[in-house]
PDB file of all heavy atoms in Angstrom:
ATOM      1  N   LEU A   1       0.833  -1.217  -0.003  1.00  0.00           N
ATOM      2  CA  LEU A   1       0.003   0.009  -0.014  1.00  0.00           C
ATOM      3  C   LEU A   1       0.865   1.285   0.007  1.00  0.00           C
ATOM      4  O   LEU A   1       0.272   2.384   0.180  1.00  0.00           O
ATOM      5  CB  LEU A   1      -0.930   0.008   1.219  1.00  0.00           C
ATOM      6  CG  LEU A   1      -1.950  -1.157   1.266  1.00  0.00           C
ATOM      7  CD1 LEU A   1      -2.635  -1.178   2.631  1.00  0.00           C
ATOM      8  CD2 LEU A   1      -2.957  -1.011   0.149  1.00  0.00           C
ATOM      9  N   ARG A   2       2.143   1.183  -0.199  1.00  0.00           N
ATOM     10  CA  ARG A   2       3.027   2.312  -0.076  1.00  0.00           C
ATOM     11  C   ARG A   2       2.714   3.465  -1.035  1.00  0.00           C
ATOM     12  O   ARG A   2       3.082   4.592  -0.766  1.00  0.00           O
ATOM     13  CB  ARG A   2       4.491   1.844  -0.315  1.00  0.00           C
ATOM     14  CG  ARG A   2       4.770   1.409  -1.726  1.00  0.00           C
ATOM     15  CD  ARG A   2       6.209   0.833  -1.815  1.00  0.00           C
ATOM     16  NE  ARG A   2       6.497   0.325  -3.144  1.00  0.00           N
ATOM     17  CZ  ARG A   2       6.316  -0.949  -3.503  1.00  0.00           C
ATOM     18  NH1 ARG A   2       5.841  -1.800  -2.608  1.00  0.00           N
ATOM     19  NH2 ARG A   2       6.615  -1.364  -4.730  1.00  0.00           N
ATOM     20  N   GLY A   3       1.995   3.201  -2.096  1.00  0.00           N
ATOM     21  CA  GLY A   3       1.659   4.312  -3.038  1.00  0.00           C
ATOM     22  C   GLY A   3       0.502   5.162  -2.584  1.00  0.00           C
ATOM     23  O   GLY A   3       0.215   6.138  -3.244  1.00  0.00           O
ATOM     24  N   ASN A   4      -0.137   4.841  -1.489  1.00  0.00           N
ATOM     25  CA  ASN A   4      -1.261   5.585  -0.974  1.00  0.00           C
ATOM     26  C   ASN A   4      -0.893   6.330   0.315  1.00  0.00           C
ATOM     27  O   ASN A   4      -0.917   5.765   1.423  1.00  0.00           O
ATOM     28  CB  ASN A   4      -2.437   4.644  -0.718  1.00  0.00           C
ATOM     29  CG  ASN A   4      -3.694   5.362  -0.315  1.00  0.00           C
ATOM     30  OD1 ASN A   4      -3.715   6.540  -0.001  1.00  0.00           O
ATOM     31  ND2 ASN A   4      -4.814   4.611  -0.358  1.00  0.00           N
ATOM     32  N   PRO A   5      -0.513   7.611   0.188  1.00  0.00           N
ATOM     33  CA  PRO A   5      -0.056   8.341   1.368  1.00  0.00           C
ATOM     34  C   PRO A   5      -1.101   8.562   2.434  1.00  0.00           C
ATOM     35  O   PRO A   5      -0.738   8.823   3.596  1.00  0.00           O
ATOM     36  CB  PRO A   5       0.436   9.694   0.796  1.00  0.00           C
ATOM     37  CG  PRO A   5      -0.108   9.796  -0.569  1.00  0.00           C
ATOM     38  CD  PRO A   5      -0.469   8.421  -1.016  1.00  0.00           C
ATOM     39  N   ALA A   6      -2.351   8.424   2.134  1.00  0.00           N
ATOM     40  CA  ALA A   6      -3.404   8.512   3.156  1.00  0.00           C
ATOM     41  C   ALA A   6      -3.445   7.285   4.031  1.00  0.00           C
ATOM     42  O   ALA A   6      -3.882   7.390   5.216  1.00  0.00           O
ATOM     43  CB  ALA A   6      -4.767   8.744   2.503  1.00  0.00           C
ATOM     44  N   VAL A   7      -2.937   6.196   3.530  1.00  0.00           N
ATOM     45  CA  VAL A   7      -2.939   4.924   4.273  1.00  0.00           C
ATOM     46  C   VAL A   7      -1.549   4.629   4.862  1.00  0.00           C
ATOM     47  O   VAL A   7      -1.454   4.083   5.957  1.00  0.00           O
ATOM     48  CB  VAL A   7      -3.403   3.783   3.359  1.00  0.00           C
ATOM     49  CG1 VAL A   7      -3.327   2.426   4.052  1.00  0.00           C
ATOM     50  CG2 VAL A   7      -4.804   4.052   2.851  1.00  0.00           C
ATOM     51  N   VAL A   8      -0.534   4.937   4.100  1.00  0.00           N
ATOM     52  CA  VAL A   8       0.841   4.637   4.557  1.00  0.00           C
ATOM     53  C   VAL A   8       1.683   5.940   4.487  1.00  0.00           C
ATOM     54  O   VAL A   8       1.975   6.447   3.417  1.00  0.00           O
ATOM     55  CB  VAL A   8       1.504   3.556   3.650  1.00  0.00           C
ATOM     56  CG1 VAL A   8       2.944   3.309   4.049  1.00  0.00           C
ATOM     57  CG2 VAL A   8       0.673   2.246   3.718  1.00  0.00           C
ATOM     58  N   ASN A   9       2.081   6.389   5.670  1.00  0.00           N
ATOM     59  CA  ASN A   9       2.937   7.567   5.739  1.00  0.00           C
ATOM     60  C   ASN A   9       4.255   7.155   6.388  1.00  0.00           C
ATOM     61  O   ASN A   9       4.486   6.003   6.725  1.00  0.00           O
ATOM     62  CB  ASN A   9       2.230   8.698   6.531  1.00  0.00           C
ATOM     63  CG  ASN A   9       1.821   8.264   7.930  1.00  0.00           C
ATOM     64  OD1 ASN A   9       2.452   7.414   8.546  1.00  0.00           O
ATOM     65  ND2 ASN A   9       0.782   8.855   8.432  1.00  0.00           N
ATOM     66  N   ASP A  10       5.118   8.102   6.594  1.00  0.00           N
ATOM     67  CA  ASP A  10       6.458   7.791   7.189  1.00  0.00           C
ATOM     68  C   ASP A  10       6.320   7.185   8.562  1.00  0.00           C
ATOM     69  O   ASP A  10       7.098   6.262   8.913  1.00  0.00           O
ATOM     70  CB  ASP A  10       7.315   9.059   7.262  1.00  0.00           C
ATOM     71  CG  ASP A  10       7.753   9.562   5.889  1.00  0.00           C
ATOM     72  OD1 ASP A  10       7.718   8.741   4.931  1.00  0.00           O
ATOM     73  OD2 ASP A  10       8.176  10.730   5.785  1.00  0.00           O
ATOM     74  N   ALA A  11       5.389   7.657   9.361  1.00  0.00           N
ATOM     75  CA  ALA A  11       5.222   7.100  10.730  1.00  0.00           C
ATOM     76  C   ALA A  11       4.808   5.653  10.685  1.00  0.00           C
ATOM     77  O   ALA A  11       5.302   4.839  11.470  1.00  0.00           O
ATOM     78  CB  ALA A  11       4.142   7.919  11.474  1.00  0.00           C
ATOM     79  N   VAL A  12       4.009   5.236   9.723  1.00  0.00           N
ATOM     80  CA  VAL A  12       3.604   3.860   9.562  1.00  0.00           C
ATOM     81  C   VAL A  12       4.793   2.981   9.196  1.00  0.00           C
ATOM     82  O   VAL A  12       4.990   1.907   9.739  1.00  0.00           O
ATOM     83  CB  VAL A  12       2.467   3.736   8.528  1.00  0.00           C
ATOM     84  CG1 VAL A  12       2.203   2.293   8.140  1.00  0.00           C
ATOM     85  CG2 VAL A  12       1.174   4.406   9.015  1.00  0.00           C
ATOM     86  N   TRP A  13       5.635   3.467   8.281  1.00  0.00           N
ATOM     87  CA  TRP A  13       6.844   2.734   7.897  1.00  0.00           C
ATOM     88  C   TRP A  13       7.753   2.529   9.123  1.00  0.00           C
ATOM     89  O   TRP A  13       8.246   1.428   9.353  1.00  0.00           O
ATOM     90  CB  TRP A  13       7.627   3.504   6.821  1.00  0.00           C
ATOM     91  CG  TRP A  13       7.155   3.243   5.440  1.00  0.00           C
ATOM     92  CD1 TRP A  13       6.436   4.082   4.669  1.00  0.00           C
ATOM     93  CD2 TRP A  13       7.382   2.094   4.643  1.00  0.00           C
ATOM     94  NE1 TRP A  13       6.175   3.522   3.465  1.00  0.00           N
ATOM     95  CE2 TRP A  13       6.761   2.259   3.412  1.00  0.00           C
ATOM     96  CE3 TRP A  13       8.035   0.875   4.879  1.00  0.00           C
ATOM     97  CZ2 TRP A  13       6.823   1.281   2.421  1.00  0.00           C
ATOM     98  CZ3 TRP A  13       8.087  -0.073   3.883  1.00  0.00           C
ATOM     99  CH2 TRP A  13       7.464   0.144   2.657  1.00  0.00           C
ATOM    100  N   ILE A  14       7.984   3.602   9.836  1.00  0.00           N
ATOM    101  CA  ILE A  14       8.905   3.520  10.989  1.00  0.00           C
ATOM    102  C   ILE A  14       8.338   2.606  12.066  1.00  0.00           C
ATOM    103  O   ILE A  14       9.030   1.701  12.545  1.00  0.00           O
ATOM    104  CB  ILE A  14       9.160   4.937  11.555  1.00  0.00           C
ATOM    105  CG1 ILE A  14       9.975   5.731  10.533  1.00  0.00           C
ATOM    106  CG2 ILE A  14       9.929   4.848  12.867  1.00  0.00           C
ATOM    107  CD1 ILE A  14      10.054   7.256  10.810  1.00  0.00           C
ATOM    108  N   ARG A  15       7.088   2.818  12.439  1.00  0.00           N
ATOM    109  CA  ARG A  15       6.493   2.007  13.501  1.00  0.00           C
ATOM    110  C   ARG A  15       6.395   0.533  13.051  1.00  0.00           C
ATOM    111  O   ARG A  15       6.713  -0.376  13.823  1.00  0.00           O
ATOM    112  CB  ARG A  15       5.066   2.541  13.820  1.00  0.00           C
ATOM    113  CG  ARG A  15       4.356   1.741  14.852  1.00  0.00           C
ATOM    114  CD  ARG A  15       4.984   1.866  16.214  1.00  0.00           C
ATOM    115  NE  ARG A  15       4.351   0.931  17.153  1.00  0.00           N
ATOM    116  CZ  ARG A  15       4.858   0.563  18.292  1.00  0.00           C
ATOM    117  NH1 ARG A  15       6.012   1.039  18.672  1.00  0.00           N
ATOM    118  NH2 ARG A  15       4.220  -0.265  19.084  1.00  0.00           N
ATOM    119  N   GLY A  16       6.006   0.304  11.800  1.00  0.00           N
ATOM    120  CA  GLY A  16       5.921  -1.068  11.282  1.00  0.00           C
ATOM    121  C   GLY A  16       7.226  -1.810  11.360  1.00  0.00           C
ATOM    122  O   GLY A  16       7.275  -2.968  11.757  1.00  0.00           O
ATOM    123  N   THR A  17       8.289  -1.142  11.026  1.00  0.00           N
ATOM    124  CA  THR A  17       9.611  -1.744  11.055  1.00  0.00           C
ATOM    125  C   THR A  17      10.045  -1.999  12.518  1.00  0.00           C
ATOM    126  O   THR A  17      10.576  -3.088  12.813  1.00  0.00           O
ATOM    127  CB  THR A  17      10.639  -0.832  10.347  1.00  0.00           C
ATOM    128  OG1 THR A  17      10.135  -0.584   9.012  1.00  0.00           O
ATOM    129  CG2 THR A  17      11.999  -1.472  10.284  1.00  0.00           C
ATOM    130  N   ILE A  18       9.857  -1.048  13.380  1.00  0.00           N
ATOM    131  CA  ILE A  18      10.217  -1.178  14.777  1.00  0.00           C
ATOM    132  C   ILE A  18       9.464  -2.370  15.395  1.00  0.00           C
ATOM    133  O   ILE A  18       9.988  -3.182  16.155  1.00  0.00           O
ATOM    134  CB  ILE A  18       9.999   0.083  15.563  1.00  0.00           C
ATOM    135  CG1 ILE A  18      10.989   1.132  15.127  1.00  0.00           C
ATOM    136  CG2 ILE A  18      10.055  -0.135  17.058  1.00  0.00           C
ATOM    137  CD1 ILE A  18      10.725   2.519  15.647  1.00  0.00           C
ATOM    138  N   VAL A  19       8.158  -2.450  15.099  1.00  0.00           N
ATOM    139  CA  VAL A  19       7.343  -3.517  15.671  1.00  0.00           C
ATOM    140  C   VAL A  19       7.795  -4.903  15.234  1.00  0.00           C
ATOM    141  O   VAL A  19       7.867  -5.811  15.999  1.00  0.00           O
ATOM    142  CB  VAL A  19       5.818  -3.276  15.375  1.00  0.00           C
ATOM    143  CG1 VAL A  19       5.005  -4.476  15.738  1.00  0.00           C
ATOM    144  CG2 VAL A  19       5.326  -2.053  16.089  1.00  0.00           C
ATOM    145  N   VAL A  20       8.126  -5.038  13.925  1.00  0.00           N
ATOM    146  CA  VAL A  20       8.634  -6.326  13.464  1.00  0.00           C
ATOM    147  C   VAL A  20       9.921  -6.709  14.167  1.00  0.00           C
ATOM    148  O   VAL A  20      10.084  -7.827  14.610  1.00  0.00           O
ATOM    149  CB  VAL A  20       8.798  -6.358  11.924  1.00  0.00           C
ATOM    150  CG1 VAL A  20       9.543  -7.566  11.469  1.00  0.00           C
ATOM    151  CG2 VAL A  20       7.428  -6.286  11.239  1.00  0.00           C
ATOM    152  N   ALA A  21      10.831  -5.763  14.291  1.00  0.00           N
ATOM    153  CA  ALA A  21      12.113  -6.004  14.959  1.00  0.00           C
ATOM    154  C   ALA A  21      11.860  -6.392  16.450  1.00  0.00           C
ATOM    155  O   ALA A  21      12.472  -7.371  16.929  1.00  0.00           O
ATOM    156  CB  ALA A  21      12.991  -4.789  14.892  1.00  0.00           C
ATOM    157  N   SER A  22      11.009  -5.675  17.161  1.00  0.00           N
ATOM    158  CA  SER A  22      10.777  -5.990  18.538  1.00  0.00           C
ATOM    159  C   SER A  22      10.042  -7.326  18.689  1.00  0.00           C
ATOM    160  O   SER A  22      10.305  -8.095  19.622  1.00  0.00           O
ATOM    161  CB  SER A  22      10.003  -4.874  19.213  1.00  0.00           C
ATOM    162  OG  SER A  22       8.619  -4.905  18.826  1.00  0.00           O
ATOM    163  N   ALA A  23       9.138  -7.623  17.779  1.00  0.00           N
ATOM    164  CA  ALA A  23       8.416  -8.900  17.819  1.00  0.00           C
ATOM    165  C   ALA A  23       9.367 -10.062  17.597  1.00  0.00           C
ATOM    166  O   ALA A  23       9.239 -11.102  18.268  1.00  0.00           O
ATOM    167  CB  ALA A  23       7.293  -8.907  16.795  1.00  0.00           C
ATOM    168  N   ALA A  24      10.299  -9.892  16.667  1.00  0.00           N
ATOM    169  CA  ALA A  24      11.290 -10.962  16.411  1.00  0.00           C
ATOM    170  C   ALA A  24      12.166 -11.175  17.642  1.00  0.00           C
ATOM    171  O   ALA A  24      12.451 -12.317  18.026  1.00  0.00           O
ATOM    172  CB  ALA A  24      12.140 -10.628  15.183  1.00  0.00           C
ATOM    173  N   LEU A  25      12.576 -10.081  18.269  1.00  0.00           N
ATOM    174  CA  LEU A  25      13.388 -10.163  19.478  1.00  0.00           C
ATOM    175  C   LEU A  25      12.603 -10.859  20.591  1.00  0.00           C
ATOM    176  O   LEU A  25      13.093 -11.774  21.275  1.00  0.00           O
ATOM    177  CB  LEU A  25      13.806  -8.799  19.954  1.00  0.00           C
ATOM    178  CG  LEU A  25      15.089  -8.239  19.476  1.00  0.00           C
ATOM    179  CD1 LEU A  25      15.278  -6.811  19.943  1.00  0.00           C
ATOM    180  CD2 LEU A  25      16.239  -9.084  19.897  1.00  0.00           C
TER     181      LEU A  25
END
C-alpha cells in the first residue's frame, strides 16, 4: 500500500519496522 499516502505515511513505515524487529526479538 506504499503508493497511498493517506494509508501509509512515514510514521507507519517507521512503526511497522520497529514492531517487526521488537516482535522478532
